[in-house]
Amino acid sequence: LRHEQKVLEQLHREYEVLVIEQPDRDHGIAGIQAAADKTYQAMRSGVDVIFQGCFFDGQFLGYSDFLIRADEGYEVYDTKLAKSAKESALIQLASYSDQVERLGFPLPATMHVWLGTGEISSHSVADHLDQMRTLRIKLEERLEQDAHVPDPLWADKRGACSACRWREVCVDGRELARDLSLV
């Protein structure tokens, strides 16, 4: 968040920046739609930089760190503390770029990751768009399927267990089952 704030302050010194407030959870879908509408109106008015732009199409919800005006539309920028852009970040940015096009603006040619080093890593949207769309279709297909609860409800212990919010479920499950991993 400090990295994001530092970039925001830098952009404030150079450009007109509009901050889109994230909706309060109490406002539900209506609050999300209002933030998405405000983002769209800001894009239509040609604001230089939009911070925390909201994209919502009824299924997809995302908040871009920055939308920066370029040519006839907007390019997506995201802040990451990493030293290089990760594939997951590029898929995220491709998804936001796809939403820019959905709103009637030209599909951005380039998307950017503002790295923790201060460098900007730029990438072709076209290089990641097909993969993002394929992943989205797979996700939508999976969400249409009935959810099934795994049996057992717990898993073997892993390194990530210490940070998992379900760790107690697994600990209790292993104990109740008298699992051999407890030996």
Protein backbone atom coordinates (compact mmCIF):
# COMPACT_ATOMS: atom_id res chain seq x y z
CA LEU A 1 0.00 0.00 0.00
CA ARG A 2 2.91 2.36 0.70
CA HIS A 3 4.29 1.64 -2.79
CA GLU A 4 0.87 2.33 -4.31
CA GLN A 5 0.56 5.55 -2.28
CA LYS A 6 4.03 6.70 -3.39
CA VAL A 7 3.07 6.20 -7.05
CA LEU A 8 -0.24 8.01 -6.46
CA GLU A 9 1.57 10.99 -4.93
CA GLN A 10 3.99 11.07 -7.89
CA LEU A 11 1.11 11.04 -10.37
CA HIS A 12 -0.73 13.76 -8.40
CA ARG A 13 2.27 16.04 -8.96
CA GLU A 14 2.15 15.53 -12.73
CA TYR A 15 -1.49 14.94 -13.69
CA GLU A 16 -5.11 15.48 -12.85
CA VAL A 17 -5.99 12.41 -10.77
CA LEU A 18 -9.49 11.25 -9.89
CA VAL A 19 -9.80 8.83 -6.99
CA ILE A 20 -12.70 6.38 -7.16
CA GLU A 21 -13.73 5.48 -3.63
CA GLN A 22 -14.27 1.76 -3.16
CA PRO A 23 -17.88 1.15 -2.16
CA ASP A 24 -18.78 0.29 1.39
CA ARG A 25 -19.89 -3.33 1.73
CA ASP A 26 -23.17 -2.15 3.19
CA HIS A 27 -24.12 -0.71 -0.23
CA GLY A 28 -23.84 -4.11 -1.94
CA ILE A 29 -24.17 -4.40 -5.71
CA ALA A 30 -25.64 -0.89 -5.95
CA GLY A 31 -22.46 0.58 -4.44
CA ILE A 32 -20.27 -1.44 -6.79
CA GLN A 33 -22.35 -0.36 -9.79
CA ALA A 34 -22.13 3.28 -8.69
CA ALA A 35 -18.30 3.04 -8.50
CA ALA A 36 -18.22 1.37 -11.94
CA ASP A 37 -20.48 4.12 -13.35
CA LYS A 38 -18.24 6.81 -11.83
CA THR A 39 -15.19 5.14 -13.43
CA TYR A 40 -16.91 5.04 -16.82
CA GLN A 41 -17.95 8.70 -16.56
CA ALA A 42 -14.39 9.68 -15.62
CA MET A 43 -13.07 7.81 -18.65
CA ARG A 44 -15.66 9.47 -20.91
CA SER A 45 -14.67 12.90 -19.58
CA GLY A 46 -10.98 12.22 -20.31
CA VAL A 47 -9.50 12.49 -16.82
CA ASP A 48 -5.71 12.05 -17.01
CA VAL A 49 -5.42 9.41 -14.27
CA ILE A 50 -8.07 7.33 -12.52
CA PHE A 51 -7.01 5.71 -9.26
CA GLN A 52 -8.87 2.56 -8.16
CA GLY A 53 -11.07 2.46 -11.24
CA CYS A 54 -13.91 -0.02 -10.75
CA PHE A 55 -14.88 -2.52 -13.45
CA PHE A 56 -18.12 -4.44 -13.02
CA ASP A 57 -20.11 -6.19 -15.74
CA GLY A 58 -22.49 -8.15 -13.54
CA GLN A 59 -20.03 -11.03 -13.11
CA PHE A 60 -16.54 -9.59 -13.24
CA LEU A 61 -15.44 -7.17 -10.51
CA GLY A 62 -12.02 -5.60 -10.42
CA TYR A 63 -10.28 -2.46 -9.21
CA SER A 64 -7.37 -1.24 -11.31
CA ASP A 65 -4.68 0.64 -9.43
CA PHE A 66 -4.35 3.22 -12.20
CA LEU A 67 -5.94 3.97 -15.54
CA ILE A 68 -3.75 6.47 -17.37
CA ARG A 69 -4.99 8.32 -20.45
CA ALA A 70 -3.16 7.37 -23.63
CA ASP A 71 -4.06 8.28 -27.22
CA GLU A 72 -7.81 7.65 -27.57
CA GLY A 73 -8.29 5.57 -24.44
CA TYR A 74 -6.67 4.33 -21.27
CA GLU A 75 -3.82 2.00 -20.37
CA VAL A 76 -3.85 -0.05 -17.20
CA TYR A 77 -1.10 0.23 -14.58
CA ASP A 78 -0.75 -1.87 -11.46
CA THR A 79 1.68 -1.47 -8.59
CA LYS A 80 3.53 -4.56 -7.38
CA LEU A 81 6.44 -4.73 -4.95
CA ALA A 82 8.01 -7.47 -7.06
CA LYS A 83 11.25 -6.99 -8.98
CA SER A 84 9.66 -8.37 -12.14
CA ALA A 85 6.15 -8.81 -13.50
CA LYS A 86 4.56 -12.15 -12.64
CA GLU A 87 2.24 -13.99 -15.02
CA SER A 88 -0.67 -13.67 -12.58
CA ALA A 89 -0.27 -9.87 -12.59
CA LEU A 90 -0.22 -9.83 -16.39
CA ILE A 91 -3.43 -11.88 -16.54
CA GLN A 92 -5.01 -9.42 -14.09
CA LEU A 93 -3.94 -6.46 -16.25
CA ALA A 94 -5.16 -8.17 -19.42
CA SER A 95 -8.51 -8.63 -17.71
CA TYR A 96 -8.72 -4.93 -16.86
CA SER A 97 -7.64 -4.04 -20.41
CA ASP A 98 -10.43 -6.26 -21.72
CA GLN A 99 -12.87 -4.31 -19.54
CA VAL A 100 -11.59 -1.02 -20.98
CA GLU A 101 -12.58 -2.33 -24.42
CA ARG A 102 -15.94 -3.60 -23.11
CA LEU A 103 -16.73 -0.03 -22.06
CA GLY A 104 -16.34 1.13 -25.66
CA PHE A 105 -12.78 2.42 -25.59
CA PRO A 106 -10.00 1.06 -27.80
CA LEU A 107 -8.32 -2.06 -26.47
CA PRO A 108 -5.04 -0.82 -25.00
CA ALA A 109 -1.99 -2.11 -26.84
CA THR A 110 0.15 -2.00 -23.72
CA MET A 111 -0.30 -2.64 -20.00
CA HIS A 112 2.16 -1.79 -17.26
CA VAL A 113 3.42 -3.03 -13.91
CA TRP A 114 4.96 -0.37 -11.67
CA LEU A 115 7.55 -2.48 -9.89
CA GLY A 116 8.85 -2.06 -6.35
CA THR A 117 12.16 -0.96 -7.86
CA GLY A 118 10.41 2.10 -9.31
CA GLU A 119 10.75 0.76 -12.85
CA ILE A 120 7.75 0.32 -15.12
CA SER A 121 7.54 -3.06 -16.84
CA SER A 122 5.42 -2.74 -20.01
CA HIS A 123 3.77 -5.67 -21.79
CA SER A 124 1.65 -6.29 -24.85
CA VAL A 125 -2.02 -6.80 -24.01
CA ALA A 126 -2.44 -9.01 -27.09
CA ASP A 127 0.22 -11.41 -25.76
CA HIS A 128 -1.92 -12.19 -22.69
CA LEU A 129 -5.50 -11.58 -23.78
CA ASP A 130 -6.22 -15.05 -25.22
CA GLN A 131 -4.88 -16.76 -22.10
CA MET A 132 -6.93 -14.49 -19.83
CA ARG A 133 -10.09 -15.13 -21.85
CA THR A 134 -9.49 -18.90 -21.79
CA LEU A 135 -9.02 -18.81 -18.01
CA ARG A 136 -12.16 -16.73 -17.58
CA ILE A 137 -14.22 -19.21 -19.65
CA LYS A 138 -12.87 -22.10 -17.55
CA LEU A 139 -13.74 -20.22 -14.36
CA GLU A 140 -17.26 -19.44 -15.57
CA GLU A 141 -17.78 -23.11 -16.53
CA ARG A 142 -16.55 -24.24 -13.13
CA LEU A 143 -18.78 -21.77 -11.30
CA GLU A 144 -21.81 -23.12 -13.18
CA GLN A 145 -21.16 -26.61 -11.77
CA ASP A 146 -22.61 -27.70 -8.47
CA ALA A 147 -20.17 -27.24 -5.63
CA HIS A 148 -19.02 -30.40 -4.01
CA VAL A 149 -17.51 -30.73 -0.59
CA PRO A 150 -14.35 -32.84 -0.55
CA ASP A 151 -14.15 -35.97 1.56
CA PRO A 152 -12.38 -35.73 3.89
CA LEU A 153 -12.94 -32.07 4.68
CA TRP A 154 -9.29 -31.67 5.67
CA ALA A 155 -6.03 -32.06 3.80
CA ASP A 156 -2.51 -33.27 4.50
CA LYS A 157 -0.38 -30.68 6.26
CA ARG A 158 1.46 -28.30 3.94
CA GLY A 159 3.77 -25.33 4.32
CA ALA A 160 0.93 -22.90 3.68
CA CYS A 161 -1.14 -24.27 6.58
CA SER A 162 0.22 -21.72 9.05
CA ALA A 163 -1.34 -18.87 7.04
CA CYS A 164 -4.54 -20.62 5.93
CA ARG A 165 -7.83 -19.50 7.40
CA TRP A 166 -9.07 -23.12 7.34
CA ARG A 167 -6.11 -24.55 9.29
CA GLU A 168 -8.25 -25.34 12.35
CA VAL A 169 -10.67 -27.39 10.22
CA CYS A 170 -7.79 -29.51 8.98
CA VAL A 171 -6.18 -29.83 12.42
CA ASP A 172 -9.52 -30.97 13.89
CA GLY A 173 -10.10 -33.35 10.96
CA ARG A 174 -6.68 -34.97 11.31
CA GLU A 175 -7.21 -35.37 15.06
CA LEU A 176 -10.72 -36.84 14.73
CA ALA A 177 -9.51 -39.26 12.06
CA ARG A 178 -6.43 -40.11 14.13
CA ASP A 179 -4.44 -39.54 10.95
CA LEU A 180 -0.96 -41.05 10.70
CA SER A 181 0.51 -37.58 10.08
CA LEU A 182 0.03 -36.96 13.81
CA VAL A 183 2.61 -39.65 14.70
